[in-house]
Structure formats: C-alpha cells, structure tokens
Amino acid sequence: MLRLLEIEFIKLWNNRASKILVISYFVLLTSIALVAAIKFDIGPIKFHLADQGIFNFPYIWHFNTFITAFFKLFLAIVIVSMMANEYSNKTIKQNLIDGLSKKEFIFSKFLTVVSFSLVSTIFVYVISLILGLTYSDFNEISIIFSDLEFLLAFFVKLMGFFAFCMFAGILVKRSAFALGFLILWQIFEGFARGMFRWKIFENHTTTDAVMGLFPLNAMWNLIDEPFSRLGAVQSLGDQIGENFRFDYAVHWYEIVIVLIWTAIFVYLSYVLLKKRDL
C-alpha cells in the first residue's frame, strides 16, 4: 500500500502544475482564517465578522466544512490531470510492463483520492479548532467536540467527488474534456431536477428525495448551507415571519449513498481499464 502511494506522490510532485495546484489548495484552506480579520469601522458602524458567531463551537465545524468544500475543484483538476497524464505520457503502460496489475493501478489512484480527502479533513479540523479556541464564546469540552459528524461528511464528500473525477479521467483520457464531462454531468442533474419537478412529481420534497440519489446531488446534500443557522439570520426571519430553522443534521443514509457511488466509480474505473487496449 505504501509503495503504491509513494509511486503516485512521486508522479504528482514531479509534475509542476500539479504541485502548484496542491499547494494553492492548502493555502486557500488556510486562508479561511483571514475571514476572522475582516472588520468595517465606518463612524458609529463597527462590524467584525468574527463577532458574528461564525467561529463559535460547534457551529464552526458546519461553517468551515461547507465553505472549504468549494475549494475541492483545485484537487479535482489535479486528479483529472493525473489520470490524463498516465495516458499522454505512456506511464500507465510502463507501470503495467513493470509488473503493476491493473487492479493495483486503480487501487493506487484510489489511495491517492483517500489521502487527499483525509489530509484535507485533518487540515480543516486543525484550522477550525484553532479559530474556535481563539474566537468562540463557548469553550466547554462537550461543546467543542459536538457536531464533529460534519468532518466525517466532509471527508466522504471529498472522497466521493475525487472518485468521480478519477472515473472521468479514465473515461475521457484528456483532462480538459474530463473536466467538461463533470460540468456536463452537473448540467444534466440540474436538467433532470427541472424535468422531474415539471413533468413527474407534484412537490419539491419528492423531487429532492429522488435527486438525492444522483451522485453530485448526493454529495451536495451531505452538508447543508450553514448561513440560515446563524442566530442573527433566524432572528431576522422571526421578525419578518419566515422560519429559517431547518434540519442541518448529517444523515447516515446520505453518507451511505455517497459511499455507494464512490464504490461504483472505483469499480467502473477498473472495468474501463481492464477492457481498454493500452
């Protein structure tokens, strides 16, 4: 296992573009700490974003995992390019000639996917813990370590998305076209949602339930938007007669759906590689 991981990281580190993207990704993850420095002091109006409760425990686990999940596109480019380079540089054929089986080849790519997801999750955990300990109004141990299921959801979300990127890279074999395929799939899911709502189902609840079985929608559903959870937003909703109190929990069945899709993408990647003439 370690040998396979070592091979993959040597390939990535020797690729200048991949190295820049990986470093940029982790710099962006760190930059969320800069949000705490946002201040507006205009006469009597004083606004400090960190004072709005976004770094309070346990809300910070929800907020940071939701925001940082958008940065996954940087690693998506790395993974898609990683697969495309295997074909363009003929390294996949050389690896197989050198004795690596096709199953081991796919397993090495999946290990890279898991590694990126795990390191990202640990990174977000450490940054969130530091920010929370610095700015949170609640520092009881029981509060600090509640809602950690958002970190699990974050890990599963990244792993599922990166597995999808791996499959797209093997399917299309060209990084630009593979990224285009991901965009088209997103458009397809949006079109499917519209058609289900317009032609088949009578309410949003049924449509949302069905769309939750689609891969990208399933990944999105893992972590709901956190903004309406803020006390200021809920107070505003009460004043205007709107209820902004929703179900923000991470549900086990949503995690299972994404894990199933992850397994499907890894298996399909192996099937494609096994049948393809290299």
C-alpha atoms as a PDB file:
ATOM      1  CA  MET A   1       0.000   0.000   0.000  1.00  0.00           C
ATOM      2  CA  LEU A   2       2.751   2.441   0.970  1.00  0.00           C
ATOM      3  CA  ARG A   3       4.694   1.505  -2.161  1.00  0.00           C
ATOM      4  CA  LEU A   4       1.697   2.345  -4.345  1.00  0.00           C
ATOM      5  CA  LEU A   5       1.175   5.671  -2.570  1.00  0.00           C
ATOM      6  CA  GLU A   6       4.849   6.521  -2.908  1.00  0.00           C
ATOM      7  CA  ILE A   7       4.710   5.913  -6.670  1.00  0.00           C
ATOM      8  CA  GLU A   8       1.699   8.232  -7.045  1.00  0.00           C
ATOM      9  CA  PHE A   9       3.104  11.069  -4.960  1.00  0.00           C
ATOM     10  CA  ILE A  10       6.430  10.932  -6.801  1.00  0.00           C
ATOM     11  CA  LYS A  11       4.495  11.363 -10.074  1.00  0.00           C
ATOM     12  CA  LEU A  12       2.495  14.274  -8.644  1.00  0.00           C
ATOM     13  CA  TRP A  13       5.467  16.025  -7.104  1.00  0.00           C
ATOM     14  CA  ASN A  14       7.419  15.813 -10.358  1.00  0.00           C
ATOM     15  CA  ASN A  15       4.549  17.488 -12.199  1.00  0.00           C
ATOM     16  CA  ARG A  16       4.933  21.262 -11.799  1.00  0.00           C
ATOM     17  CA  ALA A  17       1.285  22.121 -12.498  1.00  0.00           C
ATOM     18  CA  SER A  18       0.005  19.527 -10.015  1.00  0.00           C
ATOM     19  CA  LYS A  19       2.453  20.732  -7.381  1.00  0.00           C
ATOM     20  CA  ILE A  20       1.266  24.343  -7.773  1.00  0.00           C
ATOM     21  CA  LEU A  21      -2.407  23.340  -7.608  1.00  0.00           C
ATOM     22  CA  VAL A  22      -1.940  21.195  -4.489  1.00  0.00           C
ATOM     23  CA  ILE A  23      -0.010  23.955  -2.699  1.00  0.00           C
ATOM     24  CA  SER A  24      -2.612  26.546  -3.785  1.00  0.00           C
ATOM     25  CA  TYR A  25      -5.392  24.336  -2.461  1.00  0.00           C
ATOM     26  CA  PHE A  26      -3.917  24.098   1.029  1.00  0.00           C
ATOM     27  CA  VAL A  27      -3.075  27.803   1.032  1.00  0.00           C
ATOM     28  CA  LEU A  28      -6.732  28.517   0.271  1.00  0.00           C
ATOM     29  CA  LEU A  29      -7.830  26.206   3.076  1.00  0.00           C
ATOM     30  CA  THR A  30      -5.596  28.180   5.416  1.00  0.00           C
ATOM     31  CA  SER A  31      -6.944  31.481   4.108  1.00  0.00           C
ATOM     32  CA  ILE A  32     -10.296  30.877   5.764  1.00  0.00           C
ATOM     33  CA  ALA A  33      -8.537  32.117   8.893  1.00  0.00           C
ATOM     34  CA  LEU A  34      -8.295  35.528   7.192  1.00  0.00           C
ATOM     35  CA  VAL A  35     -12.078  35.820   7.456  1.00  0.00           C
ATOM     36  CA  ALA A  36     -11.558  36.487  11.150  1.00  0.00           C
ATOM     37  CA  ALA A  37      -9.635  39.643  10.275  1.00  0.00           C
ATOM     38  CA  ILE A  38     -12.479  41.239   8.268  1.00  0.00           C
ATOM     39  CA  LYS A  39     -13.503  44.474  10.007  1.00  0.00           C
ATOM     40  CA  PHE A  40     -15.505  47.507   8.969  1.00  0.00           C
ATOM     41  CA  ASP A  41     -15.213  50.617  11.108  1.00  0.00           C
ATOM     42  CA  ILE A  42     -17.175  53.435   9.478  1.00  0.00           C
ATOM     43  CA  GLY A  43     -18.030  56.086  12.035  1.00  0.00           C
ATOM     44  CA  PRO A  44     -20.508  54.596  14.505  1.00  0.00           C
ATOM     45  CA  ILE A  45     -20.815  51.412  12.440  1.00  0.00           C
ATOM     46  CA  LYS A  46     -18.427  48.733  13.621  1.00  0.00           C
ATOM     47  CA  PHE A  47     -18.536  45.276  12.075  1.00  0.00           C
ATOM     48  CA  HIS A  48     -16.188  42.415  12.901  1.00  0.00           C
ATOM     49  CA  LEU A  49     -17.090  39.172  11.134  1.00  0.00           C
ATOM     50  CA  ALA A  50     -15.542  37.024  13.859  1.00  0.00           C
ATOM     51  CA  ASP A  51     -18.011  38.585  16.324  1.00  0.00           C
ATOM     52  CA  GLN A  52     -20.995  37.314  14.337  1.00  0.00           C
ATOM     53  CA  GLY A  53     -20.667  33.802  15.740  1.00  0.00           C
ATOM     54  CA  ILE A  54     -19.292  32.005  12.683  1.00  0.00           C
ATOM     55  CA  PHE A  55     -16.352  30.715  14.731  1.00  0.00           C
ATOM     56  CA  ASN A  56     -18.403  29.594  17.711  1.00  0.00           C
ATOM     57  CA  PHE A  57     -18.302  25.941  18.668  1.00  0.00           C
ATOM     58  CA  PRO A  58     -19.932  23.769  17.418  1.00  0.00           C
ATOM     59  CA  TYR A  59     -21.190  25.936  14.514  1.00  0.00           C
ATOM     60  CA  ILE A  60     -17.638  26.324  13.179  1.00  0.00           C
ATOM     61  CA  TRP A  61     -17.495  22.650  12.142  1.00  0.00           C
ATOM     62  CA  HIS A  62     -20.554  23.176   9.961  1.00  0.00           C
ATOM     63  CA  PHE A  63     -19.485  26.537   8.533  1.00  0.00           C
ATOM     64  CA  ASN A  64     -15.869  25.646   7.709  1.00  0.00           C
ATOM     65  CA  THR A  65     -16.610  22.266   6.116  1.00  0.00           C
ATOM     66  CA  PHE A  66     -19.304  23.836   3.927  1.00  0.00           C
ATOM     67  CA  ILE A  67     -17.084  26.716   2.763  1.00  0.00           C
ATOM     68  CA  THR A  68     -13.854  24.770   2.248  1.00  0.00           C
ATOM     69  CA  ALA A  69     -15.660  22.090   0.234  1.00  0.00           C
ATOM     70  CA  PHE A  70     -15.821  24.581  -2.649  1.00  0.00           C
ATOM     71  CA  PHE A  71     -12.018  24.553  -2.875  1.00  0.00           C
ATOM     72  CA  LYS A  72     -12.068  20.873  -3.853  1.00  0.00           C
ATOM     73  CA  LEU A  73     -12.099  21.939  -7.512  1.00  0.00           C
ATOM     74  CA  PHE A  74      -8.341  22.561  -7.262  1.00  0.00           C
ATOM     75  CA  LEU A  75      -7.685  18.937  -6.351  1.00  0.00           C
ATOM     76  CA  ALA A  76     -10.282  17.811  -8.897  1.00  0.00           C
ATOM     77  CA  ILE A  77      -8.085  19.342 -11.605  1.00  0.00           C
ATOM     78  CA  VAL A  78      -5.058  17.546 -10.123  1.00  0.00           C
ATOM     79  CA  ILE A  79      -6.809  14.167 -10.117  1.00  0.00           C
ATOM     80  CA  VAL A  80      -8.221  14.545 -13.629  1.00  0.00           C
ATOM     81  CA  SER A  81      -4.807  15.670 -14.903  1.00  0.00           C
ATOM     82  CA  MET A  82      -3.165  12.794 -13.041  1.00  0.00           C
ATOM     83  CA  MET A  83      -5.279  10.305 -14.990  1.00  0.00           C
ATOM     84  CA  ALA A  84      -4.845  12.118 -18.302  1.00  0.00           C
ATOM     85  CA  ASN A  85      -1.055  12.256 -17.872  1.00  0.00           C
ATOM     86  CA  GLU A  86      -0.954   8.490 -17.416  1.00  0.00           C
ATOM     87  CA  TYR A  87      -2.187   8.142 -20.992  1.00  0.00           C
ATOM     88  CA  SER A  88      -0.385  11.070 -22.616  1.00  0.00           C
ATOM     89  CA  ASN A  89       2.977  10.212 -21.001  1.00  0.00           C
ATOM     90  CA  LYS A  90       2.505   6.439 -21.507  1.00  0.00           C
ATOM     91  CA  THR A  91       3.332   5.886 -17.816  1.00  0.00           C
ATOM     92  CA  ILE A  92       0.314   3.623 -17.393  1.00  0.00           C
ATOM     93  CA  LYS A  93       1.689   1.200 -19.979  1.00  0.00           C
ATOM     94  CA  GLN A  94       5.142   1.373 -18.403  1.00  0.00           C
ATOM     95  CA  ASN A  95       3.699   0.678 -14.938  1.00  0.00           C
ATOM     96  CA  LEU A  96       1.914  -2.397 -16.254  1.00  0.00           C
ATOM     97  CA  ILE A  97       5.041  -3.586 -18.057  1.00  0.00           C
ATOM     98  CA  ASP A  98       6.991  -3.155 -14.813  1.00  0.00           C
ATOM     99  CA  GLY A  99       4.665  -5.602 -13.079  1.00  0.00           C
ATOM    100  CA  LEU A 100       1.874  -3.437 -11.665  1.00  0.00           C
ATOM    101  CA  SER A 101      -1.502  -5.109 -12.222  1.00  0.00           C
ATOM    102  CA  LYS A 102      -4.499  -3.098 -13.424  1.00  0.00           C
ATOM    103  CA  LYS A 103      -6.181  -3.693 -10.074  1.00  0.00           C
ATOM    104  CA  GLU A 104      -3.129  -2.321  -8.255  1.00  0.00           C
ATOM    105  CA  PHE A 105      -3.029   0.643 -10.621  1.00  0.00           C
ATOM    106  CA  ILE A 106      -6.642   1.612  -9.817  1.00  0.00           C
ATOM    107  CA  PHE A 107      -6.041   0.930  -6.128  1.00  0.00           C
ATOM    108  CA  SER A 108      -3.055   3.290  -6.154  1.00  0.00           C
ATOM    109  CA  LYS A 109      -5.227   6.042  -7.653  1.00  0.00           C
ATOM    110  CA  PHE A 110      -7.946   5.422  -5.100  1.00  0.00           C
ATOM    111  CA  LEU A 111      -5.372   5.561  -2.294  1.00  0.00           C
ATOM    112  CA  THR A 112      -4.374   8.989  -3.618  1.00  0.00           C
ATOM    113  CA  VAL A 113      -8.042  10.048  -3.550  1.00  0.00           C
ATOM    114  CA  VAL A 114      -8.421   8.841   0.044  1.00  0.00           C
ATOM    115  CA  SER A 115      -5.133  10.509   1.056  1.00  0.00           C
ATOM    116  CA  PHE A 116      -6.163  13.881  -0.375  1.00  0.00           C
ATOM    117  CA  SER A 117      -9.551  13.614   1.357  1.00  0.00           C
ATOM    118  CA  LEU A 118      -8.065  12.579   4.698  1.00  0.00           C
ATOM    119  CA  VAL A 119      -5.322  15.229   4.727  1.00  0.00           C
ATOM    120  CA  SER A 120      -7.871  17.906   3.751  1.00  0.00           C
ATOM    121  CA  THR A 121     -10.168  16.821   6.590  1.00  0.00           C
ATOM    122  CA  ILE A 122      -7.352  16.886   9.156  1.00  0.00           C
ATOM    123  CA  PHE A 123      -6.259  20.288   7.836  1.00  0.00           C
ATOM    124  CA  VAL A 124      -9.761  21.745   8.194  1.00  0.00           C
ATOM    125  CA  TYR A 125     -10.082  20.188  11.660  1.00  0.00           C
ATOM    126  CA  VAL A 126      -6.863  21.817  12.898  1.00  0.00           C
ATOM    127  CA  ILE A 127      -7.666  25.240  11.408  1.00  0.00           C
ATOM    128  CA  SER A 128     -11.218  25.150  12.771  1.00  0.00           C
ATOM    129  CA  LEU A 129     -10.024  24.089  16.212  1.00  0.00           C
ATOM    130  CA  ILE A 130      -7.510  26.938  16.351  1.00  0.00           C
ATOM    131  CA  LEU A 131     -10.057  29.516  15.157  1.00  0.00           C
ATOM    132  CA  GLY A 132     -12.692  28.195  17.540  1.00  0.00           C
ATOM    133  CA  LEU A 133     -10.392  28.232  20.549  1.00  0.00           C
ATOM    134  CA  THR A 134      -9.421  31.804  19.628  1.00  0.00           C
ATOM    135  CA  TYR A 135     -12.836  33.326  18.876  1.00  0.00           C
ATOM    136  CA  SER A 136     -15.585  31.038  20.172  1.00  0.00           C
ATOM    137  CA  ASP A 137     -17.797  32.175  23.041  1.00  0.00           C
ATOM    138  CA  PHE A 138     -18.192  28.545  24.121  1.00  0.00           C
ATOM    139  CA  ASN A 139     -15.141  26.585  25.176  1.00  0.00           C
ATOM    140  CA  GLU A 140     -16.598  23.673  27.157  1.00  0.00           C
ATOM    141  CA  ILE A 141     -15.160  20.343  26.019  1.00  0.00           C
ATOM    142  CA  SER A 142     -18.611  18.860  25.419  1.00  0.00           C
ATOM    143  CA  ILE A 143     -19.498  21.756  23.097  1.00  0.00           C
ATOM    144  CA  ILE A 144     -16.144  21.895  21.309  1.00  0.00           C
ATOM    145  CA  PHE A 145     -16.317  18.260  20.247  1.00  0.00           C
ATOM    146  CA  SER A 146     -20.005  18.127  19.341  1.00  0.00           C
ATOM    147  CA  ASP A 147     -21.159  18.163  15.690  1.00  0.00           C
ATOM    148  CA  LEU A 148     -17.916  16.530  14.527  1.00  0.00           C
ATOM    149  CA  GLU A 149     -20.023  14.481  12.117  1.00  0.00           C
ATOM    150  CA  PHE A 150     -19.620  17.411   9.713  1.00  0.00           C
ATOM    151  CA  LEU A 151     -15.947  16.437   9.388  1.00  0.00           C
ATOM    152  CA  LEU A 152     -16.966  12.873   8.512  1.00  0.00           C
ATOM    153  CA  ALA A 153     -19.409  14.237   5.927  1.00  0.00           C
ATOM    154  CA  PHE A 154     -16.641  16.479   4.562  1.00  0.00           C
ATOM    155  CA  PHE A 155     -14.284  13.512   4.187  1.00  0.00           C
ATOM    156  CA  VAL A 156     -16.925  11.360   2.453  1.00  0.00           C
ATOM    157  CA  LYS A 157     -17.929  14.264   0.209  1.00  0.00           C
ATOM    158  CA  LEU A 158     -14.348  14.831  -0.979  1.00  0.00           C
ATOM    159  CA  MET A 159     -13.680  11.124  -1.422  1.00  0.00           C
ATOM    160  CA  GLY A 160     -16.831  10.658  -3.495  1.00  0.00           C
ATOM    161  CA  PHE A 161     -16.131  13.688  -5.675  1.00  0.00           C
ATOM    162  CA  PHE A 162     -12.484  12.777  -6.250  1.00  0.00           C
ATOM    163  CA  ALA A 163     -13.507   9.197  -7.128  1.00  0.00           C
ATOM    164  CA  PHE A 164     -15.891  10.684  -9.703  1.00  0.00           C
ATOM    165  CA  CYS A 165     -13.004  12.776 -11.074  1.00  0.00           C
ATOM    166  CA  MET A 166     -10.826   9.661 -11.279  1.00  0.00           C
ATOM    167  CA  PHE A 167     -13.526   7.861 -13.253  1.00  0.00           C
ATOM    168  CA  ALA A 168     -13.983  10.857 -15.574  1.00  0.00           C
ATOM    169  CA  GLY A 169     -10.219  10.995 -16.188  1.00  0.00           C
ATOM    170  CA  ILE A 170     -10.101   7.317 -17.157  1.00  0.00           C
ATOM    171  CA  LEU A 171     -13.288   7.545 -19.233  1.00  0.00           C
ATOM    172  CA  VAL A 172     -12.261  10.566 -21.309  1.00  0.00           C
ATOM    173  CA  LYS A 173      -8.435  10.374 -21.081  1.00  0.00           C
ATOM    174  CA  ARG A 174      -7.996  14.128 -21.662  1.00  0.00           C
ATOM    175  CA  SER A 175      -8.041  16.494 -18.697  1.00  0.00           C
ATOM    176  CA  ALA A 176      -9.903  19.345 -20.406  1.00  0.00           C
ATOM    177  CA  PHE A 177     -12.581  17.003 -21.776  1.00  0.00           C
ATOM    178  CA  ALA A 178     -12.833  15.189 -18.443  1.00  0.00           C
ATOM    179  CA  LEU A 179     -13.496  18.492 -16.664  1.00  0.00           C
ATOM    180  CA  GLY A 180     -16.020  19.276 -19.388  1.00  0.00           C
ATOM    181  CA  PHE A 181     -17.685  15.929 -18.677  1.00  0.00           C
ATOM    182  CA  LEU A 182     -18.030  16.859 -14.987  1.00  0.00           C
ATOM    183  CA  ILE A 183     -19.617  20.186 -15.932  1.00  0.00           C
ATOM    184  CA  LEU A 184     -21.996  18.466 -18.359  1.00  0.00           C
ATOM    185  CA  TRP A 185     -22.981  15.974 -15.676  1.00  0.00           C
ATOM    186  CA  GLN A 186     -23.781  18.848 -13.322  1.00  0.00           C
ATOM    187  CA  ILE A 187     -25.943  20.409 -16.055  1.00  0.00           C
ATOM    188  CA  PHE A 188     -27.618  17.028 -16.639  1.00  0.00           C
ATOM    189  CA  GLU A 189     -28.538  16.708 -12.960  1.00  0.00           C
ATOM    190  CA  GLY A 190     -29.929  20.247 -12.993  1.00  0.00           C
ATOM    191  CA  PHE A 191     -31.970  19.415 -16.122  1.00  0.00           C
ATOM    192  CA  ALA A 192     -33.203  16.171 -14.545  1.00  0.00           C
ATOM    193  CA  ARG A 193     -34.335  18.083 -11.451  1.00  0.00           C
ATOM    194  CA  GLY A 194     -36.292  20.510 -13.612  1.00  0.00           C
ATOM    195  CA  MET A 195     -37.948  17.717 -15.614  1.00  0.00           C
ATOM    196  CA  PHE A 196     -38.857  15.715 -12.508  1.00  0.00           C
ATOM    197  CA  ARG A 197     -40.423  18.779 -10.923  1.00  0.00           C
ATOM    198  CA  TRP A 198     -42.236  19.840 -14.085  1.00  0.00           C
ATOM    199  CA  LYS A 199     -43.443  16.558 -15.556  1.00  0.00           C
ATOM    200  CA  ILE A 200     -43.370  13.791 -12.947  1.00  0.00           C
ATOM    201  CA  PHE A 201     -43.549  14.814  -9.293  1.00  0.00           C
ATOM    202  CA  GLU A 202     -46.000  17.212  -7.747  1.00  0.00           C
ATOM    203  CA  ASN A 203     -43.878  18.588  -4.917  1.00  0.00           C
ATOM    204  CA  HIS A 204     -40.321  19.603  -4.117  1.00  0.00           C
ATOM    205  CA  THR A 205     -39.954  17.007  -1.357  1.00  0.00           C
ATOM    206  CA  THR A 206     -40.318  14.051  -3.730  1.00  0.00           C
ATOM    207  CA  THR A 207     -38.084  15.698  -6.327  1.00  0.00           C
ATOM    208  CA  ASP A 208     -35.379  16.359  -3.723  1.00  0.00           C
ATOM    209  CA  ALA A 209     -35.592  12.759  -2.487  1.00  0.00           C
ATOM    210  CA  VAL A 210     -35.110  11.345  -5.991  1.00  0.00           C
ATOM    211  CA  MET A 211     -32.343  13.807  -6.883  1.00  0.00           C
ATOM    212  CA  GLY A 212     -30.588  12.819  -3.670  1.00  0.00           C
ATOM    213  CA  LEU A 213     -29.817   9.506  -5.376  1.00  0.00           C
ATOM    214  CA  PHE A 214     -27.814  11.240  -8.117  1.00  0.00           C
ATOM    215  CA  PRO A 215     -24.056  11.449  -7.391  1.00  0.00           C
ATOM    216  CA  LEU A 216     -23.394  15.203  -7.346  1.00  0.00           C
ATOM    217  CA  ASN A 217     -26.658  15.981  -5.580  1.00  0.00           C
ATOM    218  CA  ALA A 218     -25.943  13.268  -3.031  1.00  0.00           C
ATOM    219  CA  MET A 219     -22.556  14.839  -2.318  1.00  0.00           C
ATOM    220  CA  TRP A 220     -24.090  18.300  -2.019  1.00  0.00           C
ATOM    221  CA  ASN A 221     -26.738  17.033   0.421  1.00  0.00           C
ATOM    222  CA  LEU A 222     -24.116  15.825   2.894  1.00  0.00           C
ATOM    223  CA  ILE A 223     -23.514  19.332   4.255  1.00  0.00           C
ATOM    224  CA  ASP A 224     -26.415  21.781   4.147  1.00  0.00           C
ATOM    225  CA  GLU A 225     -25.849  25.518   3.901  1.00  0.00           C
ATOM    226  CA  PRO A 226     -24.989  26.923   7.348  1.00  0.00           C
ATOM    227  CA  PHE A 227     -25.934  30.593   6.935  1.00  0.00           C
ATOM    228  CA  SER A 228     -29.590  30.330   7.952  1.00  0.00           C
ATOM    229  CA  ARG A 229     -28.384  28.641  11.148  1.00  0.00           C
ATOM    230  CA  LEU A 230     -26.838  31.875  12.421  1.00  0.00           C
ATOM    231  CA  GLY A 231     -28.717  33.484  15.301  1.00  0.00           C
ATOM    232  CA  ALA A 232     -28.882  36.847  13.507  1.00  0.00           C
ATOM    233  CA  VAL A 233     -30.485  35.273  10.424  1.00  0.00           C
ATOM    234  CA  GLN A 234     -33.027  33.333  12.484  1.00  0.00           C
ATOM    235  CA  SER A 235     -33.908  36.464  14.468  1.00  0.00           C
ATOM    236  CA  LEU A 236     -34.438  38.338  11.218  1.00  0.00           C
ATOM    237  CA  GLY A 237     -36.657  35.510   9.988  1.00  0.00           C
ATOM    238  CA  ASP A 238     -38.771  35.723  13.137  1.00  0.00           C
ATOM    239  CA  GLN A 239     -39.215  39.457  12.599  1.00  0.00           C
ATOM    240  CA  ILE A 240     -40.406  39.082   9.011  1.00  0.00           C
ATOM    241  CA  GLY A 241     -42.480  35.987   9.693  1.00  0.00           C
ATOM    242  CA  GLU A 242     -40.202  33.445   7.993  1.00  0.00           C
ATOM    243  CA  ASN A 243     -38.998  30.230   9.584  1.00  0.00           C
ATOM    244  CA  PHE A 244     -35.286  29.720   8.914  1.00  0.00           C
ATOM    245  CA  ARG A 245     -34.929  26.745  11.253  1.00  0.00           C
ATOM    246  CA  PHE A 246     -34.180  23.698   9.119  1.00  0.00           C
ATOM    247  CA  ASP A 247     -32.759  20.231   9.557  1.00  0.00           C
ATOM    248  CA  TYR A 248     -28.979  20.699   9.353  1.00  0.00           C
ATOM    249  CA  ALA A 249     -28.016  17.238  10.604  1.00  0.00           C
ATOM    250  CA  VAL A 250     -25.730  14.861   8.733  1.00  0.00           C
ATOM    251  CA  HIS A 251     -27.866  11.797   7.995  1.00  0.00           C
ATOM    252  CA  TRP A 252     -26.404   8.291   7.834  1.00  0.00           C
ATOM    253  CA  TYR A 253     -28.316   7.370   4.677  1.00  0.00           C
ATOM    254  CA  GLU A 254     -26.830  10.350   2.812  1.00  0.00           C
ATOM    255  CA  ILE A 255     -23.349   9.119   3.739  1.00  0.00           C
ATOM    256  CA  VAL A 256     -24.239   5.595   2.576  1.00  0.00           C
ATOM    257  CA  ILE A 257     -25.459   6.892  -0.808  1.00  0.00           C
ATOM    258  CA  VAL A 258     -22.178   8.731  -1.441  1.00  0.00           C
ATOM    259  CA  LEU A 259     -20.138   5.713  -0.309  1.00  0.00           C
ATOM    260  CA  ILE A 260     -22.064   3.530  -2.751  1.00  0.00           C
ATOM    261  CA  TRP A 261     -21.350   5.985  -5.571  1.00  0.00           C
ATOM    262  CA  THR A 262     -17.685   6.036  -4.557  1.00  0.00           C
ATOM    263  CA  ALA A 263     -17.535   2.239  -4.841  1.00  0.00           C
ATOM    264  CA  ILE A 264     -19.329   2.388  -8.208  1.00  0.00           C
ATOM    265  CA  PHE A 265     -16.875   4.942  -9.621  1.00  0.00           C
ATOM    266  CA  VAL A 266     -13.858   2.924  -8.456  1.00  0.00           C
ATOM    267  CA  TYR A 267     -15.325  -0.287  -9.878  1.00  0.00           C
ATOM    268  CA  LEU A 268     -16.242   1.324 -13.212  1.00  0.00           C
ATOM    269  CA  SER A 269     -12.731   2.781 -13.427  1.00  0.00           C
ATOM    270  CA  TYR A 270     -11.321  -0.716 -13.022  1.00  0.00           C
ATOM    271  CA  VAL A 271     -13.739  -2.187 -15.590  1.00  0.00           C
ATOM    272  CA  LEU A 272     -12.814   0.501 -18.133  1.00  0.00           C
ATOM    273  CA  LEU A 273      -9.108  -0.054 -17.600  1.00  0.00           C
ATOM    274  CA  LYS A 274      -9.464  -3.815 -17.744  1.00  0.00           C
ATOM    275  CA  LYS A 275     -11.321  -3.763 -21.069  1.00  0.00           C
ATOM    276  CA  ARG A 276      -9.321  -0.992 -22.704  1.00  0.00           C
ATOM    277  CA  ASP A 277      -6.439  -1.804 -25.034  1.00  0.00           C
ATOM    278  CA  LEU A 278      -3.486   0.207 -23.751  1.00  0.00           C
END
